Amino acid sequence: MRVVIDTSSLLSLVRYYLPFDKNQILYNLIESKIKSGEIIILDKVYEECKYTSKGLVLKTINYLNDKRTRIKTEELLPTTKFFNQLENQFINGAIRNKLTEVEFENRKNAYLESADAKLLLYCLKNKNLFDRNLHIITEETETSNDNKSFKKLPAICKILDINVLTLPKLIYSYEEIDLIISTNLKRH
C-alpha cells in the first residue's frame, strides 16, 4: 500500500502520537516508509507544514526537510473533466451562490494551487499505477466543511473514487507497530 499524506495528518502525528513514542519506533518507521516511497510527501504539503503551527511538523520530523523525500507537483495539471467537477461537484453550493464570478475564479485558482488539489491530482494520475493500493491519508471528515468554498477531501475522494484512510488506520495497518498500553500505571 502507498499513501499520500496531508498536512493535518502530519500535524496529528506530531501532536498526538510522537510524544508517546519514547523509543522512536513510530518515528523511525515513518521515516523508513517515506524513504521507501510507501508514504508520499508532496512539495505542497511540505510548504503548508512550514506555516502550520509555526512549522512544528518540520521541527519535529526533521527528515522531511530532505528534498529527496518530496514529490514535485508543478506538472500535476487538472484535466478538463477535473475542472468541470471542481466547478460543479466539488464546490460548496451554499458558498458558491454568495460569490461573484471574479471571487469564484480567484477561489478556484487558489484551490487548484493548494495541497488538497495536488493530493487529488497526484492520486488521479497514479492510482492505476499502484493497482488501487494508493490512498490519501487525512484527518478530515466528509461532512464538515468549515464554510470553505470546496468540499473536504473525503467527500471529493468519494466522487473521484480515491481511497481514503485516517492516520490511526494507517498506523494500525503497519505490522511493525505493536501498541501496548501498560495497565500497571502508578496512581498518585
Protein backbone atom coordinates (compact mmCIF):
# COMPACT_ATOMS: atom_id res chain seq x y z
CA MET A 1 0.00 0.00 0.00
CA ARG A 2 1.18 3.50 -0.86
CA VAL A 3 -0.23 6.59 0.77
CA VAL A 4 -0.12 10.31 0.14
CA ILE A 5 -0.37 12.15 3.43
CA ASP A 6 -1.90 15.57 4.05
CA THR A 7 -0.78 18.34 6.38
CA SER A 8 -3.44 17.71 9.03
CA SER A 9 -2.32 14.09 9.38
CA LEU A 10 1.32 15.06 9.76
CA LEU A 11 0.32 17.60 12.40
CA SER A 12 -1.72 14.95 14.24
CA LEU A 13 1.23 12.58 14.07
CA VAL A 14 3.44 15.19 15.72
CA ARG A 15 0.92 16.34 18.32
CA TYR A 16 -0.80 13.13 19.36
CA TYR A 17 1.41 10.15 18.51
CA LEU A 18 5.09 11.03 18.56
CA PRO A 19 5.06 12.44 22.12
CA PHE A 20 4.31 8.88 23.32
CA ASP A 21 6.91 7.31 21.03
CA LYS A 22 9.66 7.23 23.66
CA ASN A 23 11.84 4.75 21.76
CA GLN A 24 11.24 6.44 18.39
CA ILE A 25 9.78 3.26 16.91
CA LEU A 26 6.97 5.09 15.12
CA TYR A 27 9.25 7.99 14.18
CA ASN A 28 11.77 5.62 12.57
CA LEU A 29 9.06 3.55 10.88
CA ILE A 30 7.51 6.65 9.29
CA GLU A 31 10.97 7.74 8.15
CA SER A 32 11.63 4.35 6.53
CA LYS A 33 8.19 4.37 4.84
CA ILE A 34 8.86 7.85 3.42
CA LYS A 35 12.33 6.91 2.21
CA SER A 36 10.99 3.74 0.56
CA GLY A 37 8.21 5.69 -1.17
CA GLU A 38 5.38 3.95 0.69
CA ILE A 39 4.44 7.28 2.29
CA ILE A 40 4.49 10.07 -0.25
CA ILE A 41 5.08 13.68 0.73
CA LEU A 42 4.11 16.26 -1.87
CA ASP A 43 6.02 19.54 -2.06
CA LYS A 44 2.77 21.47 -1.49
CA VAL A 45 2.17 19.56 1.76
CA TYR A 46 5.74 20.34 2.81
CA GLU A 47 5.14 24.04 2.06
CA GLU A 48 1.93 24.02 4.13
CA CYS A 49 3.84 22.41 7.00
CA LYS A 50 6.20 25.40 7.07
CA TYR A 51 3.34 27.70 8.01
CA THR A 52 1.16 25.41 10.11
CA SER A 53 1.62 25.67 13.88
CA LYS A 54 4.85 27.63 13.45
CA GLY A 55 6.49 24.83 11.48
CA LEU A 56 6.02 22.27 14.27
CA VAL A 57 5.86 19.32 11.85
CA LEU A 58 9.17 20.17 10.18
CA LYS A 59 10.88 20.87 13.50
CA THR A 60 9.75 17.53 14.90
CA ILE A 61 10.06 15.32 11.81
CA ASN A 62 13.34 16.79 10.59
CA TYR A 63 13.89 14.20 7.86
CA LEU A 64 11.05 15.86 5.92
CA ASN A 65 13.47 18.71 5.22
CA ASP A 66 15.46 16.42 2.90
CA LYS A 67 14.41 17.42 -0.63
CA ARG A 68 14.66 13.80 -1.74
CA THR A 69 11.62 12.95 0.41
CA ARG A 70 9.29 15.21 -1.58
CA ILE A 71 7.46 14.78 -4.87
CA LYS A 72 7.24 17.86 -7.08
CA THR A 73 3.73 18.84 -8.11
CA GLU A 74 4.26 21.61 -10.63
CA GLU A 75 3.47 19.27 -13.50
CA LEU A 76 0.26 17.92 -11.96
CA LEU A 77 -2.28 19.75 -14.08
CA PRO A 78 -6.04 19.32 -13.95
CA THR A 79 -7.88 17.79 -16.87
CA THR A 80 -10.99 19.33 -18.40
CA LYS A 81 -13.05 16.77 -16.52
CA PHE A 82 -11.42 17.79 -13.23
CA PHE A 83 -12.16 21.47 -13.96
CA ASN A 84 -15.81 20.63 -14.63
CA GLN A 85 -16.05 18.59 -11.44
CA LEU A 86 -14.38 21.41 -9.49
CA GLU A 87 -16.96 23.89 -10.74
CA ASN A 88 -19.99 21.62 -10.36
CA GLN A 89 -19.36 18.80 -7.85
CA PHE A 90 -16.53 19.85 -5.54
CA ILE A 91 -17.86 23.33 -4.83
CA ASN A 92 -19.84 24.03 -1.68
CA GLY A 93 -23.09 25.21 -3.31
CA ALA A 94 -24.19 27.49 -0.48
CA ILE A 95 -20.88 29.37 -0.59
CA ARG A 96 -20.82 29.44 -4.41
CA ASN A 97 -24.19 31.20 -4.52
CA LYS A 98 -22.76 34.08 -2.46
CA LEU A 99 -19.70 34.65 -4.68
CA THR A 100 -19.32 36.90 -7.70
CA GLU A 101 -17.73 35.35 -10.81
CA VAL A 102 -14.43 37.05 -10.02
CA GLU A 103 -14.45 35.82 -6.41
CA PHE A 104 -15.27 32.31 -7.57
CA GLU A 105 -12.46 32.33 -10.16
CA ASN A 106 -9.99 33.56 -7.54
CA ARG A 107 -11.00 30.84 -5.06
CA LYS A 108 -10.96 28.18 -7.77
CA ASN A 109 -7.45 29.20 -8.85
CA ALA A 110 -6.25 29.26 -5.23
CA TYR A 111 -7.74 25.81 -4.66
CA LEU A 112 -6.02 24.43 -7.76
CA GLU A 113 -2.69 25.51 -6.25
CA SER A 114 -3.49 24.09 -2.81
CA ALA A 115 -2.06 20.95 -1.27
CA ASP A 116 -5.54 19.36 -1.30
CA ALA A 117 -5.88 19.77 -5.06
CA LYS A 118 -2.37 18.42 -5.62
CA LEU A 119 -3.14 15.38 -3.45
CA LEU A 120 -6.20 14.68 -5.61
CA LEU A 121 -4.36 15.25 -8.88
CA TYR A 122 -1.47 13.03 -7.78
CA CYS A 123 -3.85 10.20 -6.93
CA LEU A 124 -5.79 10.56 -10.16
CA LYS A 125 -2.57 10.40 -12.15
CA ASN A 126 -1.13 7.44 -10.23
CA LYS A 127 -3.99 5.33 -8.88
CA ASN A 128 -3.88 2.84 -11.76
CA LEU A 129 -0.11 2.57 -11.42
CA PHE A 130 -0.49 1.30 -7.85
CA ASP A 131 -3.41 -1.04 -8.64
CA ARG A 132 -5.89 0.69 -6.33
CA ASN A 133 -3.48 0.49 -3.40
CA LEU A 134 -2.98 4.26 -3.33
CA HIS A 135 -4.69 6.13 -0.51
CA ILE A 136 -4.92 9.69 0.75
CA ILE A 137 -4.29 9.94 4.49
CA THR A 138 -6.34 12.73 6.04
CA GLU A 139 -7.86 13.60 9.38
CA GLU A 140 -10.67 15.50 7.67
CA THR A 141 -14.19 14.11 7.78
CA GLU A 142 -16.51 14.01 4.82
CA THR A 143 -19.28 16.04 6.42
CA SER A 144 -17.53 19.04 7.96
CA ASN A 145 -16.85 21.91 5.62
CA ASP A 146 -15.85 24.84 7.87
CA ASN A 147 -17.57 27.29 5.48
CA LYS A 148 -14.88 26.69 2.88
CA SER A 149 -15.61 27.10 -0.81
CA PHE A 150 -14.83 23.49 -1.67
CA LYS A 151 -15.82 20.22 -0.07
CA LYS A 152 -13.46 18.34 2.21
CA LEU A 153 -11.01 15.76 0.85
CA PRO A 154 -13.01 12.64 1.83
CA ALA A 155 -16.13 13.96 0.07
CA ILE A 156 -14.19 14.76 -3.10
CA CYS A 157 -12.35 11.44 -2.92
CA LYS A 158 -15.69 9.66 -2.84
CA ILE A 159 -16.67 11.42 -6.08
CA LEU A 160 -13.32 10.60 -7.70
CA ASP A 161 -13.15 7.01 -6.38
CA ILE A 162 -9.92 7.65 -4.47
CA ASN A 163 -9.22 5.61 -1.34
CA VAL A 164 -9.06 7.48 1.97
CA LEU A 165 -7.63 6.38 5.32
CA THR A 166 -7.21 8.13 8.64
CA LEU A 167 -3.86 8.27 10.39
CA PRO A 168 -4.92 5.80 13.13
CA LYS A 169 -5.96 3.26 10.49
CA LEU A 170 -2.66 3.72 8.66
CA ILE A 171 -0.64 3.20 11.83
CA TYR A 172 -2.77 0.17 12.73
CA SER A 173 -2.04 -1.34 9.31
CA TYR A 174 1.71 -1.39 9.99
CA GLU A 175 2.60 -4.76 11.45
CA GLU A 176 5.90 -3.29 12.68
CA ILE A 177 3.97 -1.25 15.25
CA ASP A 178 2.65 -3.05 18.27
CA LEU A 179 0.90 -0.59 20.54
CA ILE A 180 0.88 -1.74 24.12
CA ILE A 181 -0.85 0.22 26.83
CA SER A 182 0.53 -0.52 30.24
CA THR A 183 -2.08 -1.50 32.80
CA ASN A 184 0.41 -1.08 35.64
CA LEU A 185 0.30 2.70 35.71
CA LYS A 186 1.10 4.18 39.08
CA ARG A 187 -1.77 6.04 40.67
CA HIS A 188 -0.96 9.21 42.52
